[in-house]
Amino acid sequence: MRLWDGERALTPRTVLHEKTLTTSGLAFRYPTEQVDAETDWCCVDDTLHFISVHRRA
């Protein structure tokens, strides 16, 4: 898989479970995803900041 450059579609994501918490103007999203193949771990949104933490991978 080549690096995502905005030209091709992102790989599909399979979210199994998700919790969301909003406090003090911040929103936290805790998804559990099924990852069976190479995946694009990127998101493009100039108005937001993202931190991805990968557990048990």
Protein backbone atom coordinates (compact mmCIF):
# COMPACT_ATOMS: atom_id res chain seq x y z
CA MET A 1 0.00 0.00 0.00
CA ARG A 2 1.36 3.40 -0.89
CA LEU A 3 1.16 6.30 1.57
CA TRP A 4 -2.10 8.20 1.55
CA ASP A 5 -1.68 11.45 -0.37
CA GLY A 6 -5.26 12.72 -0.56
CA GLU A 7 -5.70 11.40 -4.11
CA ARG A 8 -7.10 7.94 -3.39
CA ALA A 9 -9.90 6.95 -1.01
CA LEU A 10 -8.95 6.06 2.57
CA THR A 11 -9.16 2.39 3.51
CA PRO A 12 -12.47 1.47 5.17
CA ARG A 13 -12.58 1.38 9.00
CA THR A 14 -14.54 -1.20 11.04
CA VAL A 15 -15.51 0.28 14.41
CA LEU A 16 -16.67 -2.46 16.80
CA HIS A 17 -17.38 -0.24 19.82
CA GLU A 18 -16.97 3.43 20.68
CA LYS A 19 -17.18 5.62 23.77
CA THR A 20 -17.28 9.41 23.59
CA LEU A 21 -16.59 11.89 26.40
CA THR A 22 -16.96 15.66 26.17
CA THR A 23 -15.67 17.93 28.93
CA SER A 24 -14.37 21.50 29.18
CA GLY A 25 -14.76 22.06 25.45
CA LEU A 26 -12.74 18.95 24.55
CA ALA A 27 -14.14 15.81 22.93
CA PHE A 28 -12.50 12.42 23.46
CA ARG A 29 -13.33 9.44 21.27
CA TYR A 30 -12.37 5.91 22.31
CA PRO A 31 -13.09 3.51 19.43
CA THR A 32 -12.29 -0.19 19.25
CA GLU A 33 -11.56 -1.13 15.66
CA GLN A 34 -11.02 -4.38 13.82
CA VAL A 35 -7.84 -4.15 11.77
CA ASP A 36 -7.20 -7.14 9.51
CA ALA A 37 -4.98 -5.55 6.86
CA GLU A 38 -2.89 -2.47 6.18
CA THR A 39 -4.81 0.61 7.27
CA ASP A 40 -4.55 4.35 6.70
CA TRP A 41 -4.08 5.93 10.15
CA CYS A 42 -4.70 9.49 9.09
CA CYS A 43 -7.38 12.09 9.25
CA VAL A 44 -7.54 15.45 7.55
CA ASP A 45 -9.32 18.24 9.39
CA ASP A 46 -7.55 21.56 9.83
CA THR A 47 -9.89 22.57 12.68
CA LEU A 48 -9.08 19.61 14.96
CA HIS A 49 -6.04 18.04 16.63
CA PHE A 50 -5.70 14.26 16.77
CA ILE A 51 -3.66 11.91 18.94
CA SER A 52 -3.83 8.22 18.05
CA VAL A 53 -2.88 5.60 20.62
CA HIS A 54 -2.61 2.02 19.38
CA ARG A 55 -3.01 -0.66 22.04
CA ARG A 56 -2.33 -4.40 21.72
CA ALA A 57 -1.36 -4.15 18.10
